[in-house]
Amino acid sequence: MLIYVSPAGSFQTKSQTQPDVSKPESKIALGRALFFDKRLSLDGTINCATCHDPASAFASGDSVAIGVRQQKGTRNAPTLLNSNLGKSYFWDGRAATLEQQARQPLLNASEMGMKDEATLVARFSAIDEYRQSFRRVFPREGITIDTIANAIATFERSLVSRNAAFDRFLAGDKNAISEIQKEGWELFKGKARCLDCHTRSATAPLFTDTKFHNTGVRAKELTFETLSQRADDVRKIVSSPATLAHDPQFSDLGRFLVTRDAKDLGAFKTPTLRDVELTGPYMHDGSIRTLLDVLRFYNKGGVKNPMLDEKMIPLNLSEHEINAIVEFLRSLTSDDTLRLVQSSKPQTRTPVPVASK
């Protein structure tokens, strides 16, 4: 079953293996077909949905992404829901567009593992259905890595999650959320200071400032001196942020890999809180399993290090207050997304036949 998101944003399942290119949404349909096609990976074992699984609200239940040949990545796979509103992509913001985001995993050795662009294009050019679809959707360009990424990104933009209880509450239904959730919302805005980074407005409803912050997640295991030495090493090499982000020695440097600015050491992007109860584990490295433990981490003020964000301070929340905030976060779960998660079978790594490598 493939996932279809209507223009209105409601999730449906649609049993089709190839896009219906006769409809205006043909590019979304082509992107959807590619998103769920394991032939995007070198050995035919994974697709985009392996790490961005509808059964996990287009995120992953694994702490870090796992690519071809069971290779463990270095960072958690975030949800793709509402990515149409993103300002940058990946935890370090190294991609400015969804097209760039969709393109990078295809040729990464530890993700989809395709050897090069020519191999990818040759594989899909040999599939008659795709030749026809690309000829109609991209009549000038045909099948290239850029048109493949463009189609996938177009599908990702269609993954819109709304219709949460909190939305109905803001619209005037005062009974849409419980009393403890209302208490959590007041704490979220006030004592807990969550809005300092998880901002929201009518035009930016995702509960993120889209900025980058050092909260000390990796300081639990690494000293600042270690991070600083690794930063010095990065300054001496010319590898791309994408390459360094997949290197266990350098991944924890975060936004620094993009900017090479010391103030960004260990800083990672503020994630959306929409559907957050469905998208664990949490933090850029998937090191925290539950929302309760996330709140306890922030209640302590994170983990101290010289580059700790100035907004990270002890909050002195009681366990009752922590629980109230967690209950509030559950009010951000879309009814449509919850139904999708409950009705979707998790992706598997059962290989499909691929052309010769």
Protein backbone atom coordinates (compact mmCIF):
# COMPACT_ATOMS: atom_id res chain seq x y z
CA MET A 1 0.00 0.00 0.00
CA LEU A 2 1.22 3.48 -0.82
CA ILE A 3 0.42 6.59 1.13
CA TYR A 4 -1.56 9.34 -0.52
CA VAL A 5 -2.10 12.78 0.98
CA SER A 6 -4.95 14.70 -0.52
CA PRO A 7 -4.64 18.43 -1.27
CA ALA A 8 -6.75 19.02 1.85
CA GLY A 9 -4.16 17.23 3.91
CA SER A 10 -6.11 14.15 4.96
CA PHE A 11 -4.33 10.82 4.79
CA GLN A 12 -5.66 7.98 2.69
CA THR A 13 -4.22 4.71 1.49
CA LYS A 14 -4.10 4.09 -2.20
CA SER A 15 -3.25 0.72 -3.71
CA GLN A 16 -1.23 1.58 -6.79
CA THR A 17 2.29 0.75 -7.81
CA GLN A 18 2.75 3.35 -10.53
CA PRO A 19 1.67 7.00 -10.64
CA ASP A 20 -1.38 8.02 -12.62
CA VAL A 21 0.31 10.64 -14.77
CA SER A 22 -2.96 11.76 -16.33
CA LYS A 23 -3.88 13.73 -13.18
CA PRO A 24 -2.59 17.18 -12.13
CA GLU A 25 -0.95 15.59 -9.10
CA SER A 26 1.21 13.41 -11.33
CA LYS A 27 4.48 14.63 -9.84
CA ILE A 28 3.29 13.80 -6.31
CA ALA A 29 2.24 10.36 -7.50
CA LEU A 30 5.60 9.77 -9.17
CA GLY A 31 7.39 10.92 -6.03
CA ARG A 32 5.23 8.62 -3.93
CA ALA A 33 6.11 5.64 -6.11
CA LEU A 34 9.82 6.44 -5.82
CA PHE A 35 9.57 7.05 -2.06
CA PHE A 36 8.38 3.48 -1.52
CA ASP A 37 10.59 1.85 -4.17
CA LYS A 38 13.47 -0.20 -2.75
CA ARG A 39 15.21 -0.10 -6.10
CA LEU A 40 16.49 3.31 -5.02
CA SER A 41 18.99 1.42 -2.86
CA LEU A 42 21.99 -0.48 -4.16
CA ASP A 43 20.87 -3.90 -2.94
CA GLY A 44 17.10 -3.38 -3.09
CA THR A 45 16.61 -3.63 0.68
CA ILE A 46 15.56 -0.11 1.68
CA ASN A 47 13.60 2.84 0.39
CA CYS A 48 12.97 6.34 1.71
CA ALA A 49 10.16 4.97 3.87
CA THR A 50 12.55 2.62 5.67
CA CYS A 51 13.79 5.54 7.74
CA HIS A 52 10.70 7.73 7.26
CA ASP A 53 8.03 5.13 7.90
CA PRO A 54 4.29 5.97 7.79
CA ALA A 55 3.90 3.53 10.70
CA SER A 56 6.19 5.86 12.71
CA ALA A 57 4.63 9.11 11.49
CA PHE A 58 7.23 9.32 8.71
CA ALA A 59 10.06 9.08 11.25
CA SER A 60 11.88 5.98 12.53
CA GLY A 61 11.71 3.93 15.70
CA ASP A 62 15.47 3.35 15.51
CA SER A 63 17.79 5.57 17.51
CA VAL A 64 19.79 6.36 14.38
CA ALA A 65 19.13 5.73 10.70
CA ILE A 66 20.18 2.31 9.40
CA GLY A 67 21.15 2.06 5.74
CA VAL A 68 22.09 -0.68 3.29
CA ARG A 69 23.95 -3.66 4.70
CA GLN A 70 22.58 -2.70 8.14
CA GLN A 71 25.03 0.17 8.43
CA LYS A 72 24.23 2.35 11.42
CA GLY A 73 24.20 6.08 10.82
CA THR A 74 25.05 8.79 13.29
CA ARG A 75 21.77 10.65 13.64
CA ASN A 76 18.09 10.03 14.24
CA ALA A 77 15.74 10.20 11.25
CA PRO A 78 13.27 13.07 11.87
CA THR A 79 9.69 13.10 10.67
CA LEU A 80 8.96 14.39 7.17
CA LEU A 81 5.48 15.57 8.16
CA ASN A 82 5.01 19.28 7.49
CA SER A 83 8.46 19.49 5.91
CA ASN A 84 6.90 21.81 3.33
CA LEU A 85 7.25 24.53 5.98
CA GLY A 86 10.92 23.87 6.73
CA LYS A 87 13.62 26.48 6.25
CA SER A 88 16.50 24.01 6.20
CA TYR A 89 16.87 20.24 6.36
CA PHE A 90 18.89 17.65 8.30
CA TRP A 91 19.80 18.19 11.94
CA ASP A 92 22.63 20.52 10.96
CA GLY A 93 20.66 22.43 8.33
CA ARG A 94 23.09 21.58 5.54
CA ALA A 95 20.35 21.32 2.90
CA ALA A 96 18.48 24.47 1.93
CA THR A 97 15.70 22.68 0.04
CA LEU A 98 13.79 19.41 0.16
CA GLU A 99 15.29 18.58 -3.24
CA GLN A 100 18.77 18.75 -1.71
CA GLN A 101 17.57 16.69 1.24
CA ALA A 102 16.09 14.00 -1.01
CA ARG A 103 19.20 13.85 -3.21
CA GLN A 104 21.86 13.29 -0.55
CA PRO A 105 20.91 9.81 0.78
CA LEU A 106 20.76 8.31 -2.71
CA LEU A 107 24.52 8.28 -3.26
CA ASN A 108 25.62 8.04 0.35
CA ALA A 109 27.45 4.78 0.99
CA SER A 110 25.89 4.30 4.43
CA GLU A 111 22.34 5.15 3.36
CA MET A 112 20.92 4.12 -0.05
CA GLY A 113 24.40 3.19 -1.23
CA MET A 114 24.07 3.78 -4.99
CA LYS A 115 27.55 3.85 -6.53
CA ASP A 116 27.06 6.97 -8.62
CA GLU A 117 24.48 9.00 -10.49
CA ALA A 118 24.95 7.03 -13.70
CA THR A 119 24.12 3.74 -11.94
CA LEU A 120 20.98 5.22 -10.42
CA VAL A 121 19.77 6.70 -13.71
CA ALA A 122 20.54 3.53 -15.66
CA ARG A 123 18.55 1.39 -13.23
CA PHE A 124 15.39 3.48 -13.45
CA SER A 125 15.77 4.12 -17.18
CA ALA A 126 15.53 0.36 -17.66
CA ILE A 127 12.05 0.28 -16.06
CA ASP A 128 9.39 0.93 -18.68
CA GLU A 129 6.81 2.38 -16.26
CA TYR A 130 9.30 4.93 -14.98
CA ARG A 131 10.47 5.84 -18.49
CA GLN A 132 6.87 6.67 -19.38
CA SER A 133 6.17 8.52 -16.15
CA PHE A 134 9.29 10.68 -16.28
CA ARG A 135 8.67 11.42 -19.97
CA ARG A 136 5.29 12.88 -19.05
CA VAL A 137 6.20 14.59 -15.76
CA PHE A 138 9.63 15.82 -16.85
CA PRO A 139 9.37 15.93 -20.67
CA ARG A 140 12.56 17.94 -21.12
CA GLU A 141 14.86 16.48 -18.48
CA GLY A 142 13.74 12.86 -18.35
CA ILE A 143 15.29 10.62 -15.68
CA THR A 144 18.16 12.27 -13.81
CA ILE A 145 19.16 12.31 -10.17
CA ASP A 146 17.74 15.82 -9.98
CA THR A 147 14.32 14.87 -11.38
CA ILE A 148 14.21 11.84 -9.09
CA ALA A 149 14.94 14.11 -6.10
CA ASN A 150 12.45 16.69 -7.38
CA ALA A 151 9.64 14.14 -7.54
CA ILE A 152 10.42 12.73 -4.09
CA ALA A 153 10.58 16.24 -2.61
CA THR A 154 7.23 17.09 -4.19
CA PHE A 155 5.68 14.05 -2.52
CA GLU A 156 7.30 15.00 0.80
CA ARG A 157 5.73 18.46 0.56
CA SER A 158 2.32 16.82 0.38
CA LEU A 159 2.76 15.20 3.80
CA VAL A 160 0.78 17.72 5.78
CA SER A 161 -0.30 16.96 9.35
CA ARG A 162 -3.01 19.08 10.94
CA ASN A 163 -6.28 18.49 12.80
CA ALA A 164 -4.81 18.01 16.26
CA ALA A 165 -6.86 18.52 19.41
CA PHE A 166 -4.77 21.61 20.16
CA ASP A 167 -5.75 23.13 16.81
CA ARG A 168 -9.39 22.74 17.72
CA PHE A 169 -8.67 24.27 21.12
CA LEU A 170 -7.09 27.33 19.52
CA ALA A 171 -10.05 27.57 17.15
CA GLY A 172 -12.37 28.02 20.14
CA ASP A 173 -13.32 24.53 21.28
CA LYS A 174 -12.32 24.80 24.94
CA ASN A 175 -13.22 21.16 25.54
CA ALA A 176 -10.89 19.85 22.83
CA ILE A 177 -8.10 19.28 25.35
CA SER A 178 -8.17 18.09 28.94
CA GLU A 179 -7.63 20.16 32.05
CA ILE A 180 -4.17 18.72 32.60
CA GLN A 181 -3.30 19.51 28.97
CA LYS A 182 -4.44 23.09 29.53
CA GLU A 183 -2.19 23.20 32.58
CA GLY A 184 0.65 21.83 30.47
CA TRP A 185 0.08 24.52 27.84
CA GLU A 186 0.34 27.25 30.47
CA LEU A 187 3.57 25.71 31.76
CA PHE A 188 4.85 25.33 28.19
CA LYS A 189 4.33 29.06 27.64
CA GLY A 190 5.54 30.11 31.07
CA LYS A 191 7.61 28.37 33.72
CA ALA A 192 9.01 25.68 31.43
CA ARG A 193 10.12 28.26 28.82
CA CYS A 194 9.51 25.79 25.98
CA LEU A 195 8.33 28.58 23.69
CA ASP A 196 11.81 30.10 23.79
CA CYS A 197 12.84 27.59 21.13
CA HIS A 198 9.65 25.72 20.22
CA THR A 199 7.92 28.84 18.93
CA ARG A 200 4.56 28.85 17.17
CA SER A 201 2.29 31.30 15.41
CA ALA A 202 -0.56 31.18 12.94
CA THR A 203 1.93 31.35 10.06
CA ALA A 204 4.57 29.13 11.71
CA PRO A 205 2.56 26.41 13.48
CA LEU A 206 5.24 23.74 13.90
CA PHE A 207 6.54 24.65 17.37
CA THR A 208 10.10 25.31 16.24
CA ASP A 209 12.21 28.41 15.77
CA THR A 210 14.09 26.47 13.03
CA LYS A 211 17.33 27.60 14.66
CA PHE A 212 20.23 25.61 16.12
CA HIS A 213 21.01 25.16 19.80
CA ASN A 214 23.58 23.35 21.94
CA THR A 215 21.57 21.66 24.69
CA GLY A 216 24.41 19.44 25.85
CA VAL A 217 22.99 16.15 24.56
CA ARG A 218 26.37 14.70 23.62
CA ALA A 219 28.14 16.37 26.54
CA LYS A 220 26.86 13.42 28.55
CA GLU A 221 29.55 11.34 26.86
CA LEU A 222 32.04 13.72 25.26
CA THR A 223 34.08 16.45 26.92
CA PHE A 224 34.16 19.88 25.37
CA GLU A 225 37.90 19.45 24.88
CA THR A 226 37.18 16.42 22.70
CA LEU A 227 34.68 18.38 20.62
CA SER A 228 37.11 21.30 20.29
CA GLN A 229 39.89 19.01 19.10
CA ARG A 230 37.60 17.47 16.53
CA ALA A 231 36.57 20.95 15.40
CA ASP A 232 40.26 21.82 14.90
CA ASP A 233 40.62 18.66 12.82
CA VAL A 234 37.62 19.65 10.67
CA ARG A 235 39.14 23.06 9.94
CA LYS A 236 42.09 21.29 8.33
CA ILE A 237 40.06 19.18 5.90
CA VAL A 238 37.82 20.02 2.96
CA SER A 239 35.22 17.26 3.25
CA SER A 240 31.61 18.33 2.76
CA PRO A 241 29.22 18.71 5.70
CA ALA A 242 27.27 15.72 4.33
CA THR A 243 30.37 13.51 4.49
CA LEU A 244 31.38 14.72 7.96
CA ALA A 245 27.84 14.33 9.31
CA HIS A 246 28.07 10.58 8.64
CA ASP A 247 31.47 10.26 10.30
CA PRO A 248 31.13 9.18 13.96
CA GLN A 249 34.22 11.23 14.79
CA PHE A 250 32.65 14.48 13.61
CA SER A 251 28.86 14.11 13.57
CA ASP A 252 28.44 15.48 17.10
CA LEU A 253 29.88 18.83 16.03
CA GLY A 254 26.44 19.59 14.59
CA ARG A 255 25.87 22.94 12.90
CA PHE A 256 29.59 23.68 13.13
CA LEU A 257 30.13 21.29 10.23
CA VAL A 258 28.19 23.72 8.03
CA THR A 259 29.32 27.10 9.37
CA ARG A 260 32.79 26.26 10.82
CA ASP A 261 31.88 28.82 13.49
CA ALA A 262 32.85 27.93 17.09
CA LYS A 263 29.53 29.22 18.44
CA ASP A 264 27.80 26.38 16.59
CA LEU A 265 29.76 23.57 18.24
CA GLY A 266 27.34 20.85 19.28
CA ALA A 267 24.31 22.82 18.06
CA PHE A 268 21.41 21.04 16.36
CA LYS A 269 18.14 22.21 14.86
CA THR A 270 15.06 22.61 17.02
CA PRO A 271 12.66 19.87 15.84
CA THR A 272 8.94 20.29 15.32
CA LEU A 273 6.69 19.15 18.16
CA ARG A 274 3.78 18.25 15.90
CA ASP A 275 2.96 14.55 16.36
CA VAL A 276 5.93 14.30 18.72
CA GLU A 277 4.43 11.47 20.80
CA LEU A 278 4.58 9.30 17.66
CA THR A 279 8.13 10.10 16.52
CA GLY A 280 10.43 8.88 19.29
CA PRO A 281 13.18 8.23 20.16
CA TYR A 282 14.27 11.82 20.64
CA MET A 283 17.20 14.20 20.20
CA HIS A 284 19.53 14.27 17.21
CA ASP A 285 21.13 10.98 18.24
CA GLY A 286 17.97 9.22 19.39
CA SER A 287 19.48 8.88 22.85
CA ILE A 288 16.31 9.64 24.84
CA ARG A 289 13.47 7.14 24.54
CA THR A 290 10.48 8.88 26.13
CA LEU A 291 8.96 12.34 26.32
CA LEU A 292 9.08 12.14 30.11
CA ASP A 293 12.83 11.71 29.96
CA VAL A 294 13.14 14.55 27.45
CA LEU A 295 11.36 16.84 29.90
CA ARG A 296 13.55 15.64 32.75
CA PHE A 297 16.64 16.38 30.64
CA TYR A 298 15.48 19.95 30.04
CA ASN A 299 14.34 20.32 33.63
CA LYS A 300 17.95 19.84 34.69
CA GLY A 301 19.07 22.50 32.22
CA GLY A 302 20.66 20.06 29.81
CA VAL A 303 24.29 19.10 30.29
CA LYS A 304 26.74 21.91 30.95
CA ASN A 305 29.48 22.67 28.45
CA PRO A 306 31.15 25.93 27.41
CA MET A 307 28.91 26.30 24.34
CA LEU A 308 25.64 25.45 26.12
CA ASP A 309 22.83 27.66 24.82
CA GLU A 310 22.09 30.53 27.18
CA LYS A 311 18.42 29.52 27.24
CA MET A 312 19.33 26.22 28.90
CA ILE A 313 18.79 26.69 32.63
CA PRO A 314 17.32 24.47 35.37
CA LEU A 315 13.53 24.80 35.34
CA ASN A 316 12.61 23.45 38.79
CA LEU A 317 9.54 21.66 37.47
CA SER A 318 7.81 19.14 39.69
CA GLU A 319 7.01 15.65 38.41
CA HIS A 320 3.36 16.70 38.21
CA GLU A 321 4.29 19.69 36.05
CA ILE A 322 6.50 17.52 33.82
CA ASN A 323 3.62 15.11 33.33
CA ALA A 324 1.27 17.99 32.51
CA ILE A 325 3.59 19.21 29.75
CA VAL A 326 3.88 15.70 28.33
CA GLU A 327 0.08 15.49 28.26
CA PHE A 328 -0.03 18.82 26.45
CA LEU A 329 2.44 17.51 23.86
CA ARG A 330 0.04 14.65 23.18
CA SER A 331 -2.58 17.21 22.19
CA LEU A 332 -0.35 18.08 19.22
CA THR A 333 -0.98 14.68 17.62
CA SER A 334 -3.07 14.92 14.47
CA ASP A 335 -6.12 12.64 14.39
CA ASP A 336 -5.33 11.86 10.75
CA THR A 337 -1.70 11.03 11.49
CA LEU A 338 -2.67 8.80 14.40
CA ARG A 339 -5.07 6.86 12.18
CA LEU A 340 -2.34 6.51 9.56
CA VAL A 341 0.14 5.17 12.11
CA GLN A 342 -2.38 2.73 13.53
CA SER A 343 -3.36 1.40 10.10
CA SER A 344 0.14 1.17 8.57
CA LYS A 345 2.35 -1.89 8.61
CA PRO A 346 5.99 -1.11 9.45
CA GLN A 347 8.39 -1.17 6.54
CA THR A 348 10.54 -4.27 6.10
CA ARG A 349 13.99 -4.90 4.66
CA THR A 350 12.93 -7.81 2.51
CA PRO A 351 14.93 -7.28 -0.70
CA VAL A 352 13.35 -6.78 -4.09
CA PRO A 353 15.00 -7.76 -7.39
CA VAL A 354 17.29 -5.09 -8.81
CA ALA A 355 19.28 -4.79 -11.99
CA SER A 356 22.86 -6.01 -11.97
CA LYS A 357 25.16 -3.91 -9.83
